[in-house]
Structures are given as structure tokens and as C-alpha cells.
Amino acid sequence: MTADASFGRLDDDDYPAYTMGRATEMLGTTQSFLRAIGEARLITPLRSKGGHRRYSRYQLRIAARARELVDQGTPIEAACRIIILEDQLEEARRINAEYRRTASPPATGA
């Protein structure tokens, strides 16, 4: 892999660039919190060849949202379910908007 290809991954939201230690530091949370949201299947970190968890920026954003809800008093299982439902709603809205764009009859010039 070339250096240019490696640096290109820095912009990839799905590239698992962060160790658990770095992720907890960035989020201001604990390793047990990250393990718990992993067990709840909110996020599934990739594993390095040595078996260590690696997180992407996208996963860290999800974990930050979970932490926000938990900090407000929401149980972790409920927080995970809320985030999954928010994500499903956003996807449905995106699909609806795309459908409306493609299903609209073309404007006629009269």
C-alpha cells in the first residue's frame, strides 16, 4: 500500500482507526461503556490482528449519542434502541425523498 492510499483512509468515516483507549479518551467514557454498547449490538468494532477493538469515526459518533442519552438518565439498552430507531427513521426519510424525486412527473413546458 502506498503512502497516498494510507492517507486516503484518514477521510474514511468507516475506517477503524481508533483503539479502545483512544476512543474512551475522546468520548470521555469508560471501556465498559463501549463494551456494553457493543454487547447491545449498537456498534460492532472491528478487531486488529491481535484481537484488539478498533473503532471508526462513525462508530464514535454513535457512541457519543448513546453516552448523551445515558447521561440524561436513559438506560443503556433503551438508549441503544432509540439510536437504532433514529437511524431507521433517517434512512426511511432518505428513501422517501429519493422516491419523490424519481416518481415526480417531469414538468411540461406549456
N, C-alpha and C. Protein backbone atom coordinates (compact mmCIF):
# COMPACT_ATOMS: atom_id res chain seq x y z
N MET A 1 0.85 -1.17 0.00
CA MET A 1 0.00 0.00 0.00
C MET A 1 0.90 1.24 0.00
N THR A 2 0.55 2.20 -0.80
CA THR A 2 1.34 3.42 -0.88
C THR A 2 0.95 4.37 0.24
N ALA A 3 1.82 5.34 0.47
CA ALA A 3 1.53 6.35 1.50
C ALA A 3 0.27 7.13 1.14
N ASP A 4 0.09 7.43 -0.16
CA ASP A 4 -1.10 8.16 -0.58
C ASP A 4 -2.37 7.38 -0.27
N ALA A 5 -2.35 6.06 -0.48
CA ALA A 5 -3.52 5.23 -0.19
C ALA A 5 -3.78 5.19 1.32
N SER A 6 -2.74 5.13 2.11
CA SER A 6 -2.90 5.12 3.57
C SER A 6 -3.50 6.42 4.06
N PHE A 7 -3.03 7.55 3.54
CA PHE A 7 -3.55 8.84 3.98
C PHE A 7 -4.99 9.03 3.54
N GLY A 8 -5.40 8.42 2.43
CA GLY A 8 -6.77 8.50 1.97
C GLY A 8 -7.75 7.93 2.97
N ARG A 9 -7.30 6.97 3.76
CA ARG A 9 -8.16 6.36 4.77
C ARG A 9 -8.48 7.32 5.91
N LEU A 10 -7.68 8.35 6.07
CA LEU A 10 -7.93 9.32 7.15
C LEU A 10 -9.27 10.02 6.98
N ASP A 11 -9.74 10.11 5.75
CA ASP A 11 -11.02 10.75 5.47
C ASP A 11 -12.19 9.77 5.47
N ASP A 12 -11.91 8.49 5.65
CA ASP A 12 -12.93 7.45 5.60
C ASP A 12 -13.59 7.30 6.97
N ASP A 13 -14.87 7.66 7.07
CA ASP A 13 -15.60 7.58 8.35
C ASP A 13 -15.74 6.15 8.86
N ASP A 14 -15.58 5.18 7.99
CA ASP A 14 -15.77 3.78 8.38
C ASP A 14 -14.46 3.05 8.66
N TYR A 15 -13.34 3.73 8.48
CA TYR A 15 -12.04 3.09 8.72
C TYR A 15 -11.81 2.96 10.23
N PRO A 16 -11.54 1.75 10.72
CA PRO A 16 -11.37 1.53 12.16
C PRO A 16 -10.01 2.00 12.66
N ALA A 17 -9.89 3.27 12.88
CA ALA A 17 -8.59 3.88 13.19
C ALA A 17 -8.31 4.04 14.68
N TYR A 18 -9.33 3.92 15.52
CA TYR A 18 -9.16 4.28 16.93
C TYR A 18 -9.18 3.05 17.84
N THR A 19 -8.20 2.97 18.71
CA THR A 19 -8.16 1.90 19.71
C THR A 19 -9.22 2.19 20.77
N MET A 20 -9.50 1.20 21.57
CA MET A 20 -10.46 1.40 22.65
C MET A 20 -9.99 2.50 23.60
N GLY A 21 -8.72 2.50 23.93
CA GLY A 21 -8.20 3.52 24.83
C GLY A 21 -8.37 4.92 24.28
N ARG A 22 -8.06 5.09 23.00
CA ARG A 22 -8.22 6.40 22.36
C ARG A 22 -9.69 6.78 22.27
N ALA A 23 -10.54 5.80 21.96
CA ALA A 23 -11.98 6.07 21.84
C ALA A 23 -12.55 6.52 23.19
N THR A 24 -12.18 5.85 24.27
CA THR A 24 -12.70 6.25 25.58
C THR A 24 -12.20 7.64 25.96
N GLU A 25 -10.96 7.92 25.59
CA GLU A 25 -10.40 9.25 25.87
C GLU A 25 -11.15 10.33 25.11
N MET A 26 -11.43 10.08 23.84
CA MET A 26 -12.12 11.06 23.02
C MET A 26 -13.56 11.28 23.49
N LEU A 27 -14.22 10.21 23.93
CA LEU A 27 -15.62 10.29 24.34
C LEU A 27 -15.80 10.64 25.80
N GLY A 28 -14.72 10.54 26.57
CA GLY A 28 -14.83 10.80 27.99
C GLY A 28 -15.67 9.75 28.69
N THR A 29 -15.50 8.51 28.29
CA THR A 29 -16.28 7.41 28.85
C THR A 29 -15.36 6.29 29.29
N THR A 30 -15.91 5.14 29.58
CA THR A 30 -15.12 4.00 30.05
C THR A 30 -15.11 2.89 29.02
N GLN A 31 -14.18 1.98 29.19
CA GLN A 31 -14.13 0.81 28.31
C GLN A 31 -15.37 -0.05 28.50
N SER A 32 -15.87 -0.13 29.73
CA SER A 32 -17.06 -0.95 29.98
C SER A 32 -18.28 -0.37 29.25
N PHE A 33 -18.34 0.95 29.10
CA PHE A 33 -19.44 1.56 28.35
C PHE A 33 -19.37 1.13 26.89
N LEU A 34 -18.18 1.19 26.30
CA LEU A 34 -18.04 0.78 24.90
C LEU A 34 -18.34 -0.71 24.73
N ARG A 35 -17.91 -1.51 25.68
CA ARG A 35 -18.23 -2.94 25.62
C ARG A 35 -19.75 -3.15 25.71
N ALA A 36 -20.41 -2.40 26.58
CA ALA A 36 -21.86 -2.55 26.78
C ALA A 36 -22.63 -2.20 25.51
N ILE A 37 -22.26 -1.12 24.83
CA ILE A 37 -23.00 -0.78 23.60
C ILE A 37 -22.64 -1.74 22.48
N GLY A 38 -21.47 -2.36 22.57
CA GLY A 38 -21.13 -3.43 21.64
C GLY A 38 -21.97 -4.67 21.90
N GLU A 39 -22.14 -5.03 23.16
CA GLU A 39 -22.97 -6.18 23.54
C GLU A 39 -24.43 -5.96 23.16
N ALA A 40 -24.87 -4.70 23.20
CA ALA A 40 -26.23 -4.35 22.81
C ALA A 40 -26.36 -4.27 21.28
N ARG A 41 -25.27 -4.50 20.60
CA ARG A 41 -25.20 -4.51 19.12
C ARG A 41 -25.49 -3.16 18.50
N LEU A 42 -25.21 -2.11 19.25
CA LEU A 42 -25.34 -0.77 18.67
C LEU A 42 -24.19 -0.53 17.71
N ILE A 43 -23.00 -0.91 18.13
CA ILE A 43 -21.82 -0.83 17.26
C ILE A 43 -21.08 -2.16 17.37
N THR A 44 -20.38 -2.50 16.31
CA THR A 44 -19.56 -3.71 16.31
C THR A 44 -18.16 -3.30 15.86
N PRO A 45 -17.27 -3.11 16.81
CA PRO A 45 -15.92 -2.70 16.41
C PRO A 45 -15.21 -3.82 15.67
N LEU A 46 -14.37 -3.43 14.76
CA LEU A 46 -13.54 -4.42 14.08
C LEU A 46 -12.43 -4.82 15.03
N ARG A 47 -11.76 -5.89 14.73
CA ARG A 47 -10.67 -6.37 15.58
C ARG A 47 -9.37 -6.32 14.80
N SER A 48 -8.32 -5.91 15.48
CA SER A 48 -6.99 -5.94 14.88
C SER A 48 -6.52 -7.38 14.81
N LYS A 49 -5.41 -7.62 14.16
CA LYS A 49 -4.87 -8.98 14.08
C LYS A 49 -4.60 -9.54 15.46
N GLY A 50 -4.29 -8.69 16.41
CA GLY A 50 -4.05 -9.11 17.78
C GLY A 50 -5.33 -9.24 18.61
N GLY A 51 -6.50 -8.98 18.01
CA GLY A 51 -7.77 -9.12 18.70
C GLY A 51 -8.25 -7.88 19.42
N HIS A 52 -7.56 -6.76 19.26
CA HIS A 52 -7.96 -5.52 19.94
C HIS A 52 -9.07 -4.82 19.16
N ARG A 53 -9.99 -4.22 19.90
CA ARG A 53 -11.10 -3.50 19.27
C ARG A 53 -10.59 -2.23 18.60
N ARG A 54 -11.14 -1.96 17.42
CA ARG A 54 -10.84 -0.73 16.67
C ARG A 54 -12.15 -0.09 16.25
N TYR A 55 -12.24 1.21 16.46
CA TYR A 55 -13.47 1.95 16.20
C TYR A 55 -13.26 2.97 15.07
N SER A 56 -14.33 3.17 14.31
CA SER A 56 -14.31 4.19 13.25
C SER A 56 -14.89 5.49 13.79
N ARG A 57 -14.71 6.56 13.03
CA ARG A 57 -15.31 7.85 13.42
C ARG A 57 -16.83 7.75 13.47
N TYR A 58 -17.40 7.03 12.52
CA TYR A 58 -18.85 6.84 12.50
C TYR A 58 -19.31 6.14 13.79
N GLN A 59 -18.61 5.10 14.20
CA GLN A 59 -18.97 4.39 15.43
C GLN A 59 -18.80 5.29 16.65
N LEU A 60 -17.80 6.14 16.64
CA LEU A 60 -17.60 7.05 17.76
C LEU A 60 -18.73 8.07 17.85
N ARG A 61 -19.24 8.52 16.71
CA ARG A 61 -20.38 9.44 16.74
C ARG A 61 -21.61 8.74 17.34
N ILE A 62 -21.83 7.49 16.99
CA ILE A 62 -22.94 6.73 17.55
C ILE A 62 -22.74 6.55 19.05
N ALA A 63 -21.54 6.20 19.45
CA ALA A 63 -21.23 6.01 20.88
C ALA A 63 -21.44 7.32 21.64
N ALA A 64 -21.08 8.44 21.03
CA ALA A 64 -21.27 9.75 21.68
C ALA A 64 -22.75 10.04 21.88
N ARG A 65 -23.57 9.68 20.90
CA ARG A 65 -25.03 9.87 21.04
C ARG A 65 -25.56 8.98 22.16
N ALA A 66 -25.08 7.74 22.24
CA ALA A 66 -25.50 6.84 23.31
C ALA A 66 -25.11 7.41 24.67
N ARG A 67 -23.91 7.92 24.75
CA ARG A 67 -23.45 8.49 26.02
C ARG A 67 -24.32 9.68 26.42
N GLU A 68 -24.68 10.50 25.43
CA GLU A 68 -25.54 11.65 25.70
C GLU A 68 -26.87 11.20 26.31
N LEU A 69 -27.47 10.18 25.74
CA LEU A 69 -28.75 9.67 26.26
C LEU A 69 -28.58 9.06 27.65
N VAL A 70 -27.52 8.30 27.84
CA VAL A 70 -27.28 7.67 29.14
C VAL A 70 -27.02 8.74 30.20
N ASP A 71 -26.28 9.77 29.83
CA ASP A 71 -26.02 10.87 30.77
C ASP A 71 -27.30 11.59 31.18
N GLN A 72 -28.33 11.52 30.32
CA GLN A 72 -29.62 12.14 30.62
C GLN A 72 -30.52 11.22 31.44
N GLY A 73 -30.00 10.01 31.75
CA GLY A 73 -30.76 9.09 32.59
C GLY A 73 -31.42 7.94 31.87
N THR A 74 -31.22 7.83 30.58
CA THR A 74 -31.81 6.73 29.81
C THR A 74 -31.00 5.46 30.05
N PRO A 75 -31.66 4.35 30.35
CA PRO A 75 -30.91 3.09 30.49
C PRO A 75 -30.19 2.75 29.19
N ILE A 76 -29.05 2.11 29.29
CA ILE A 76 -28.21 1.88 28.11
C ILE A 76 -28.92 1.07 27.03
N GLU A 77 -29.71 0.07 27.43
CA GLU A 77 -30.43 -0.73 26.43
C GLU A 77 -31.45 0.13 25.68
N ALA A 78 -32.14 1.00 26.41
CA ALA A 78 -33.12 1.90 25.79
C ALA A 78 -32.42 2.91 24.89
N ALA A 79 -31.28 3.42 25.33
CA ALA A 79 -30.52 4.38 24.52
C ALA A 79 -30.11 3.75 23.20
N CYS A 80 -29.66 2.51 23.26
CA CYS A 80 -29.26 1.82 22.03
C CYS A 80 -30.45 1.65 21.10
N ARG A 81 -31.59 1.28 21.65
CA ARG A 81 -32.79 1.10 20.83
C ARG A 81 -33.24 2.43 20.22
N ILE A 82 -33.19 3.49 20.98
CA ILE A 82 -33.55 4.82 20.47
C ILE A 82 -32.67 5.19 19.28
N ILE A 83 -31.38 4.96 19.41
CA ILE A 83 -30.45 5.32 18.34
C ILE A 83 -30.71 4.48 17.09
N ILE A 84 -30.99 3.20 17.29
CA ILE A 84 -31.30 2.33 16.14
C ILE A 84 -32.56 2.83 15.44
N LEU A 85 -33.58 3.20 16.21
CA LEU A 85 -34.82 3.71 15.62
C LEU A 85 -34.61 5.06 14.94
N GLU A 86 -33.78 5.92 15.53
CA GLU A 86 -33.47 7.20 14.87
C GLU A 86 -32.79 6.96 13.53
N ASP A 87 -31.89 6.01 13.50
CA ASP A 87 -31.17 5.69 12.27
C ASP A 87 -32.13 5.13 11.22
N GLN A 88 -33.04 4.27 11.64
CA GLN A 88 -34.02 3.70 10.70
C GLN A 88 -34.95 4.78 10.16
N LEU A 89 -35.34 5.71 11.02
CA LEU A 89 -36.21 6.81 10.58
C LEU A 89 -35.49 7.68 9.56
N GLU A 90 -34.23 8.00 9.84
CA GLU A 90 -33.46 8.82 8.90
C GLU A 90 -33.31 8.13 7.55
N GLU A 91 -33.09 6.83 7.56
CA GLU A 91 -32.97 6.07 6.31
C GLU A 91 -34.30 6.06 5.56
N ALA A 92 -35.41 5.89 6.28
CA ALA A 92 -36.73 5.92 5.63
C ALA A 92 -37.00 7.29 5.01
N ARG A 93 -36.63 8.34 5.70
CA ARG A 93 -36.80 9.69 5.15
C ARG A 93 -35.96 9.88 3.89
N ARG A 94 -34.74 9.37 3.92
CA ARG A 94 -33.88 9.48 2.74
C ARG A 94 -34.48 8.72 1.56
N ILE A 95 -34.98 7.53 1.81
CA ILE A 95 -35.59 6.72 0.75
C ILE A 95 -36.83 7.42 0.21
N ASN A 96 -37.66 7.97 1.10
CA ASN A 96 -38.86 8.70 0.67
C ASN A 96 -38.50 9.89 -0.21
N ALA A 97 -37.51 10.64 0.20
CA ALA A 97 -37.10 11.81 -0.59
C ALA A 97 -36.60 11.38 -1.97
N GLU A 98 -35.85 10.30 -2.00
CA GLU A 98 -35.35 9.78 -3.29
C GLU A 98 -36.52 9.31 -4.15
N TYR A 99 -37.46 8.63 -3.54
CA TYR A 99 -38.64 8.15 -4.27
C TYR A 99 -39.43 9.32 -4.84
N ARG A 100 -39.62 10.37 -4.04
CA ARG A 100 -40.35 11.54 -4.53
C ARG A 100 -39.66 12.19 -5.71
N ARG A 101 -38.33 12.24 -5.66
CA ARG A 101 -37.58 12.84 -6.78
C ARG A 101 -37.75 12.03 -8.05
N THR A 102 -37.71 10.71 -7.94
CA THR A 102 -37.77 9.87 -9.15
C THR A 102 -39.21 9.62 -9.60
N ALA A 103 -40.20 9.72 -8.71
CA ALA A 103 -41.58 9.45 -9.06
C ALA A 103 -42.31 10.69 -9.54
N SER A 104 -41.77 11.86 -9.35
CA SER A 104 -42.44 13.08 -9.78
C SER A 104 -42.48 13.14 -11.30
N PRO A 105 -43.66 13.46 -11.84
CA PRO A 105 -43.74 13.59 -13.30
C PRO A 105 -42.92 14.79 -13.76
N PRO A 106 -42.29 14.66 -14.90
CA PRO A 106 -41.48 15.79 -15.39
C PRO A 106 -42.36 17.00 -15.68
N ALA A 107 -41.81 18.15 -15.41
CA ALA A 107 -42.55 19.39 -15.68
C ALA A 107 -42.69 19.57 -17.18
N THR A 108 -43.87 20.00 -17.60
CA THR A 108 -44.10 20.23 -19.02
C THR A 108 -44.05 21.73 -19.30
N GLY A 109 -43.49 22.05 -20.39
CA GLY A 109 -43.40 23.47 -20.77
C GLY A 109 -44.60 23.85 -21.63
N ALA A 110 -45.60 24.45 -21.02
CA ALA A 110 -46.81 24.80 -21.78
C ALA A 110 -46.88 26.26 -22.02
